[in-house]
Protein backbone atom coordinates (compact mmCIF):
# COMPACT_ATOMS: atom_id res chain seq x y z
CA UNK A 1 -1.16 -16.58 1.75
CA UNK A 2 -2.00 -12.83 2.82
CA UNK A 3 -5.14 -10.85 2.72
CA UNK A 4 -5.23 -7.49 2.41
CA UNK A 5 -7.81 -5.61 4.11
CA UNK A 6 -6.52 -2.24 2.47
CA UNK A 7 -5.96 -3.67 -1.20
CA UNK A 8 -8.45 -6.61 -0.59
CA UNK A 9 -6.04 -8.46 -2.64
CA UNK A 10 -4.75 -11.77 -1.51
CA UNK A 11 -0.86 -12.40 -1.70
CA UNK A 12 1.46 -14.97 -2.13
CA UNK A 13 4.09 -15.47 0.13
CA UNK A 14 7.28 -13.44 -0.50
CA UNK A 15 5.28 -11.09 -2.19
CA UNK A 16 6.43 -7.30 -1.70
CA UNK A 17 3.88 -4.39 -2.67
CA UNK A 18 3.30 -0.57 -1.96
CA UNK A 19 -0.13 0.93 -0.69
CA UNK A 20 -1.34 3.73 -1.75
CA UNK A 21 -1.09 5.23 1.72
CA UNK A 22 2.99 4.57 1.53
CA UNK A 23 3.79 1.66 3.44
CA UNK A 24 5.72 -1.35 1.99
CA UNK A 25 3.89 -4.81 2.73
CA UNK A 26 5.44 -8.21 2.69
CA UNK A 27 3.87 -11.15 2.57
CA UNK A 28 5.09 -13.84 4.92
CA UNK A 29 4.55 -17.06 6.11
CA UNK A 30 3.25 -15.95 9.79
CA UNK A 31 2.53 -12.29 8.90
CA UNK A 32 2.16 -10.11 6.83
CA UNK A 33 4.41 -6.97 7.70
CA UNK A 34 3.69 -3.31 6.64
CA UNK A 35 6.18 -0.32 7.52
CA UNK A 36 5.82 3.12 6.54
CA UNK A 37 7.56 4.69 3.69
CA UNK A 38 7.41 7.88 4.43
CA UNK A 39 10.32 10.15 6.46
CA UNK A 40 8.11 11.86 9.55
CA UNK A 41 9.85 15.06 10.15
CA UNK A 42 10.09 15.62 13.96
CA UNK A 43 12.59 18.43 15.36
CA UNK A 44 11.54 21.58 13.14
CA UNK A 45 9.67 24.96 13.87
CA UNK A 46 6.65 24.13 14.42
CA UNK A 47 5.23 27.77 15.62
CA UNK A 48 6.42 29.21 11.83
CA UNK A 49 6.62 25.72 9.87
CA UNK A 50 3.84 23.01 8.81
CA UNK A 51 4.69 19.81 7.51
CA UNK A 52 2.92 18.81 4.10
CA UNK A 53 2.53 15.05 3.14
CA UNK A 54 2.58 14.45 -0.45
CA UNK A 55 0.95 11.00 -1.31
CA UNK A 56 2.10 10.42 -4.96
CA UNK A 57 5.79 10.76 -3.65
CA UNK A 58 5.68 9.18 -0.21
CA UNK A 59 7.42 12.11 1.31
CA UNK A 60 6.61 15.23 3.18
CA UNK A 61 7.95 18.73 2.99
CA UNK A 62 8.11 21.21 5.74
CA UNK A 63 7.57 24.61 4.42
CA UNK A 64 6.94 28.26 6.21
CA UNK A 65 3.54 29.00 6.88
CA UNK A 66 4.25 32.57 5.79
CA UNK A 67 5.63 31.26 2.73
CA UNK A 68 4.77 27.52 1.47
CA UNK A 69 7.71 27.59 -1.06
CA UNK A 70 10.18 28.17 0.96
CA UNK A 71 11.36 24.83 3.34
CA UNK A 72 12.19 25.01 6.52
CA UNK A 73 14.91 23.26 8.24
CA UNK A 74 14.37 20.12 9.68
CA UNK A 75 16.97 18.55 12.33
CA UNK A 76 15.44 15.26 13.03
CA UNK A 77 12.73 12.75 12.08
CA UNK A 78 11.59 9.26 11.85
CA UNK A 79 11.38 6.55 9.13
């Protein structure tokens, strides 16, 4: 079994869960493996735009600093 220090729960092998911090975790016989579910933008206009994290949807949105209602172009990301 696996113990998660984040959720403070004990999981059986093969169980998969999503954490409140947007990670997908899986309990395997030799390890607990967690990977981020969030696509992180890496190539956008950082001078004029800002990336906003939305925890409920596990997503990021890149918007203009001058008008947060308007999305910015994102050319690359990780995740």
